[in-house]
């Protein structure tokens, strides 16, 4: 396959290298010269492109036909609506000169409201969904052959949950973990590239949801981080995001189904 990756961050770079090792031709955008050279050294056809440029180039010298596109350009709650509108307008302008068989756009389960309940892809109250993430998803779904992967909290490699609470006070320890390991995300992206999927939106979340406190304790012990100074149950929202739809459709077995293993 010929694969295009937009926004080659931590996850996308791992996916790029994995697919390159599977014998695929991989093209990837980055915003830094350091990563540009690192990707090239790994045999990936890299190019520098910032989708937030005001004077965005409408066309880049690269192939116009791809089998699979991974769009990892983020939509963050920290960004203004104006920035996001410009960013995703530039993405669509960039796409105007190319075709693909399938595109996956990476979104986040942060799109769901922070309240008690179990949330799956059927949740349709757009007034409660994150307006900024919804803007980005809607923009990408207007393009052909596109599906959305809403990722849970992403961990693995050097991203360890306990690290972020080491010698700090944790106020969210009673919340259930809606996490996913990078190894499973890479496999589920690869599965999307070579399987027909029936829906347009999928949650990508490990099937088990232990308390965040227990994940912190387990990962601190496993990876050698100091424990939090204290656990204070200031926010015990019981929000669970289900990733069952994608698992059942692909008949997928998680490599790491339990965040306590991360």
Protein backbone atom coordinates (compact mmCIF):
# COMPACT_ATOMS: atom_id res chain seq x y z
CA UNK A 1 0.00 0.00 0.00
CA UNK A 2 0.91 3.64 -0.42
CA UNK A 3 0.16 5.43 2.86
CA UNK A 4 -0.05 9.13 3.67
CA UNK A 5 0.20 10.42 7.23
CA UNK A 6 -0.61 14.00 8.11
CA UNK A 7 0.76 15.23 11.42
CA UNK A 8 3.42 12.70 12.34
CA UNK A 9 3.30 12.98 16.13
CA UNK A 10 4.11 10.37 18.75
CA UNK A 11 1.44 7.87 17.71
CA UNK A 12 1.57 8.54 13.97
CA UNK A 13 5.35 8.17 13.86
CA UNK A 14 5.08 4.76 15.53
CA UNK A 15 2.40 3.76 13.03
CA UNK A 16 4.54 5.03 10.13
CA UNK A 17 7.52 2.93 11.20
CA UNK A 18 5.33 -0.12 11.80
CA UNK A 19 3.78 0.10 8.33
CA UNK A 20 7.15 0.75 6.71
CA UNK A 21 8.43 -2.44 8.33
CA UNK A 22 5.43 -4.27 6.85
CA UNK A 23 6.72 -3.31 3.40
CA UNK A 24 4.41 -0.38 2.65
CA UNK A 25 5.37 2.93 1.06
CA UNK A 26 4.84 5.65 3.66
CA UNK A 27 4.69 9.43 3.24
CA UNK A 28 4.43 11.65 6.30
CA UNK A 29 4.20 15.35 7.10
CA UNK A 30 5.90 17.02 10.04
CA UNK A 31 6.45 20.60 11.15
CA UNK A 32 10.07 20.22 12.30
CA UNK A 33 13.32 19.64 10.45
CA UNK A 34 14.55 17.33 13.24
CA UNK A 35 11.67 14.91 12.71
CA UNK A 36 11.87 15.33 8.94
CA UNK A 37 15.43 13.95 8.98
CA UNK A 38 14.56 11.23 11.51
CA UNK A 39 11.68 9.98 9.38
CA UNK A 40 13.84 9.99 6.25
CA UNK A 41 16.47 7.95 8.09
CA UNK A 42 13.75 5.39 8.82
CA UNK A 43 12.93 5.10 5.12
CA UNK A 44 9.80 7.26 5.23
CA UNK A 45 9.15 9.90 2.56
CA UNK A 46 8.79 12.92 4.82
CA UNK A 47 7.92 16.52 4.04
CA UNK A 48 7.57 19.66 6.16
CA UNK A 49 4.13 21.26 6.24
CA UNK A 50 2.32 23.35 8.84
CA UNK A 51 -1.44 23.42 8.36
CA UNK A 52 -1.72 26.55 10.50
CA UNK A 53 0.19 28.75 8.05
CA UNK A 54 -1.86 31.72 6.90
CA UNK A 55 -0.33 31.54 3.42
CA UNK A 56 -0.80 27.80 3.15
CA UNK A 57 0.62 26.12 0.01
CA UNK A 58 -2.25 24.56 -1.91
CA UNK A 59 -0.09 21.81 -3.40
CA UNK A 60 3.00 19.87 -2.34
CA UNK A 61 5.20 17.75 -4.58
CA UNK A 62 4.07 14.24 -3.65
CA UNK A 63 1.93 11.47 -5.18
CA UNK A 64 -1.74 12.22 -5.76
CA UNK A 65 -3.10 8.70 -5.16
CA UNK A 66 -2.95 6.85 -1.84
CA UNK A 67 -4.45 3.64 -0.56
CA UNK A 68 -4.72 4.80 3.04
CA UNK A 69 -4.54 8.19 4.76
CA UNK A 70 -4.04 8.69 8.48
CA UNK A 71 -4.97 12.24 9.46
CA UNK A 72 -3.44 12.92 12.86
CA UNK A 73 -3.71 16.72 12.75
CA UNK A 74 -5.22 17.52 16.15
CA UNK A 75 -8.24 19.52 17.13
CA UNK A 76 -7.54 20.79 20.64
CA UNK A 77 -9.85 22.39 23.15
CA UNK A 78 -7.08 24.95 23.67
CA UNK A 79 -7.41 26.22 20.09
CA UNK A 80 -9.81 28.96 19.12
CA UNK A 81 -12.61 28.21 16.67
CA UNK A 82 -10.90 30.53 14.15
CA UNK A 83 -7.65 28.56 14.35
CA UNK A 84 -9.45 25.25 13.92
CA UNK A 85 -11.50 26.51 10.99
CA UNK A 86 -8.33 27.72 9.26
CA UNK A 87 -6.46 24.49 10.05
CA UNK A 88 -9.11 22.17 8.64
CA UNK A 89 -9.79 24.44 5.68
CA UNK A 90 -6.10 24.11 4.83
CA UNK A 91 -6.31 20.34 5.16
CA UNK A 92 -9.19 20.20 2.70
CA UNK A 93 -7.29 22.50 0.34
CA UNK A 94 -4.30 20.16 0.56
CA UNK A 95 -6.53 17.18 -0.23
CA UNK A 96 -8.03 18.83 -3.32
CA UNK A 97 -5.34 17.37 -5.56
CA UNK A 98 -5.40 13.77 -4.37
CA UNK A 99 -7.53 10.66 -3.96
CA UNK A 100 -7.50 7.77 -1.49
CA UNK A 101 -9.32 4.54 -0.82
CA UNK A 102 -9.76 5.20 2.90
CA UNK A 103 -8.95 7.89 5.43
CA UNK A 104 -8.92 7.64 9.24
CA UNK A 105 -9.11 10.89 11.18
CA UNK A 106 -7.96 10.74 14.80
CA UNK A 107 -10.28 12.44 17.23
CA UNK A 108 -10.76 12.00 20.99
CA UNK A 109 -13.30 10.59 23.43
CA UNK A 110 -13.00 14.03 25.00
CA UNK A 111 -15.83 14.88 22.63
CA UNK A 112 -18.28 13.29 25.11
CA UNK A 113 -19.56 15.28 28.09
CA UNK A 114 -17.91 14.80 31.47
CA UNK A 115 -20.83 13.32 33.34
CA UNK A 116 -21.90 9.98 34.78
CA UNK A 117 -22.93 7.36 32.25
CA UNK A 118 -21.79 4.98 29.54
CA UNK A 119 -21.11 6.65 26.21
CA UNK A 120 -20.91 4.94 22.84
CA UNK A 121 -21.00 6.09 19.22
CA UNK A 122 -24.80 6.30 19.24
CA UNK A 123 -24.72 9.33 21.57
CA UNK A 124 -26.23 12.07 19.43
CA UNK A 125 -26.90 15.11 21.64
CA UNK A 126 -24.67 17.53 19.74
CA UNK A 127 -25.40 20.27 22.26
CA UNK A 128 -23.47 18.24 24.85
CA UNK A 129 -20.57 17.18 22.59
CA UNK A 130 -17.40 19.28 22.43
CA UNK A 131 -18.12 21.89 19.76
CA UNK A 132 -14.48 22.15 18.69
CA UNK A 133 -13.93 18.43 18.27
CA UNK A 134 -17.29 18.16 16.54
CA UNK A 135 -16.25 20.92 14.13
CA UNK A 136 -13.12 18.98 13.16
CA UNK A 137 -14.92 15.66 12.80
CA UNK A 138 -17.70 17.15 10.69
CA UNK A 139 -15.16 18.83 8.43
CA UNK A 140 -13.35 15.55 7.78
CA UNK A 141 -16.52 13.49 7.37
CA UNK A 142 -17.47 15.68 4.42
CA UNK A 143 -14.56 14.08 2.57
CA UNK A 144 -14.83 10.77 0.77
CA UNK A 145 -14.22 7.40 2.42
CA UNK A 146 -13.44 8.80 5.86
CA UNK A 147 -13.93 7.26 9.28
CA UNK A 148 -13.27 8.72 12.72
CA UNK A 149 -11.29 7.00 15.47
CA UNK A 150 -12.07 8.64 18.82
CA UNK A 151 -9.08 7.67 20.95
CA UNK A 152 -9.15 7.12 24.68
CA UNK A 153 -6.34 8.35 26.90
CA UNK A 154 -3.25 7.14 25.06
CA UNK A 155 -0.39 5.48 26.92
CA UNK A 156 2.58 3.22 26.27
CA UNK A 157 6.32 3.48 25.70
CA UNK A 158 7.50 6.55 27.65
CA UNK A 159 3.97 7.82 28.29
CA UNK A 160 3.19 6.40 31.75
CA UNK A 161 0.11 7.52 33.67
CA UNK A 162 1.84 7.52 37.07
CA UNK A 163 4.44 10.00 35.83
CA UNK A 164 1.87 12.79 35.65
CA UNK A 165 0.90 12.40 39.33
CA UNK A 166 4.29 11.62 40.85
CA UNK A 167 4.63 13.60 44.10
CA UNK A 168 1.47 15.57 43.29
CA UNK A 169 -2.07 15.47 44.62
CA UNK A 170 -4.48 13.40 42.50
CA UNK A 171 -8.11 14.54 42.58
CA UNK A 172 -9.47 12.18 39.89
CA UNK A 173 -8.43 8.81 41.30
CA UNK A 174 -12.01 7.57 41.71
CA UNK A 175 -12.82 8.09 38.03
CA UNK A 176 -12.84 5.06 35.71
CA UNK A 177 -9.97 4.91 33.23
CA UNK A 178 -10.94 5.26 29.57
CA UNK A 179 -7.48 4.47 28.26
CA UNK A 180 -5.88 2.64 25.36
CA UNK A 181 -2.33 1.43 24.74
CA UNK A 182 -0.41 2.61 21.68
CA UNK A 183 0.29 -0.99 20.62
CA UNK A 184 -3.43 -1.68 20.25
CA UNK A 185 -4.08 1.62 18.44
CA UNK A 186 -1.40 0.80 15.87
CA UNK A 187 -2.96 -2.62 15.27
CA UNK A 188 -6.44 -1.13 14.99
CA UNK A 189 -5.21 1.46 12.49
CA UNK A 190 -3.61 -1.28 10.45
CA UNK A 191 -6.89 -3.22 10.61
CA UNK A 192 -8.76 -0.16 9.36
CA UNK A 193 -6.40 0.10 6.40
CA UNK A 194 -7.24 -3.38 5.11
CA UNK A 195 -10.79 -4.09 6.32
CA UNK A 196 -14.14 -2.70 5.23
CA UNK A 197 -15.78 -0.91 8.14
CA UNK A 198 -19.54 -0.42 8.39
CA UNK A 199 -19.73 2.79 10.41
CA UNK A 200 -18.12 6.23 10.25
CA UNK A 201 -17.30 6.81 13.94
CA UNK A 202 -15.59 4.44 16.39
CA UNK A 203 -14.39 4.74 19.97
CA UNK A 204 -10.94 3.24 20.46
CA UNK A 205 -10.79 2.35 24.16
CA UNK A 206 -9.51 -0.65 26.11
CA UNK A 207 -12.41 -2.85 27.27
CA UNK A 208 -11.57 -2.68 30.99
CA UNK A 209 -12.05 0.47 33.08
CA UNK A 210 -10.29 0.25 36.46
CA UNK A 211 -10.15 3.27 38.75
CA UNK A 212 -7.49 5.80 37.79
CA UNK A 213 -6.09 5.49 41.31
CA UNK A 214 -5.40 1.80 40.76
CA UNK A 215 -3.79 2.51 37.39
CA UNK A 216 -1.49 5.08 39.01
CA UNK A 217 -0.47 2.65 41.74
CA UNK A 218 0.16 -0.18 39.27
CA UNK A 219 2.13 1.91 36.79
CA UNK A 220 4.17 3.61 39.54
CA UNK A 221 5.20 0.19 40.81
CA UNK A 222 5.93 -1.15 37.32
CA UNK A 223 7.87 1.85 36.04
CA UNK A 224 9.48 3.12 39.23
CA UNK A 225 7.72 6.45 39.76
CA UNK A 226 7.08 8.03 43.14
CA UNK A 227 3.48 7.86 44.31
CA UNK A 228 1.18 10.89 44.49
CA UNK A 229 1.37 12.94 47.68
CA UNK A 230 -2.29 12.17 48.26
CA UNK A 231 -5.52 11.02 46.63
CA UNK A 232 -8.39 13.45 47.13
CA UNK A 233 -11.73 12.46 45.62
CA UNK A 234 -12.67 15.93 44.43
CA UNK A 235 -13.93 14.68 41.07
CA UNK A 236 -15.47 11.20 41.04
CA UNK A 237 -17.39 11.45 37.77
CA UNK A 238 -18.30 7.93 36.62
CA UNK A 239 -17.93 8.36 32.86
CA UNK A 240 -17.25 5.21 30.86
CA UNK A 241 -16.65 5.24 27.11
CA UNK A 242 -17.36 1.96 25.33
CA UNK A 243 -15.16 0.77 22.47
CA UNK A 244 -17.22 -2.38 21.88
CA UNK A 245 -18.45 -1.42 18.40
CA UNK A 246 -15.01 -1.57 16.75
CA UNK A 247 -13.95 -4.68 18.68
CA UNK A 248 -17.01 -6.63 17.61
CA UNK A 249 -16.88 -5.47 14.02
CA UNK A 250 -13.22 -6.45 13.59
CA UNK A 251 -13.40 -9.41 16.01
CA UNK A 252 -10.34 -7.85 17.60
CA UNK A 253 -8.59 -9.13 20.71
CA UNK A 254 -6.74 -6.45 22.65
CA UNK A 255 -3.05 -7.03 23.33
CA UNK A 256 -3.41 -4.94 26.49
CA UNK A 257 -7.10 -4.89 27.50
CA UNK A 258 -6.46 -3.67 31.05
CA UNK A 259 -4.85 -0.27 31.84
CA UNK A 260 -3.43 -1.90 34.98
CA UNK A 261 -1.03 -3.65 32.57
CA UNK A 262 0.18 -0.45 30.93
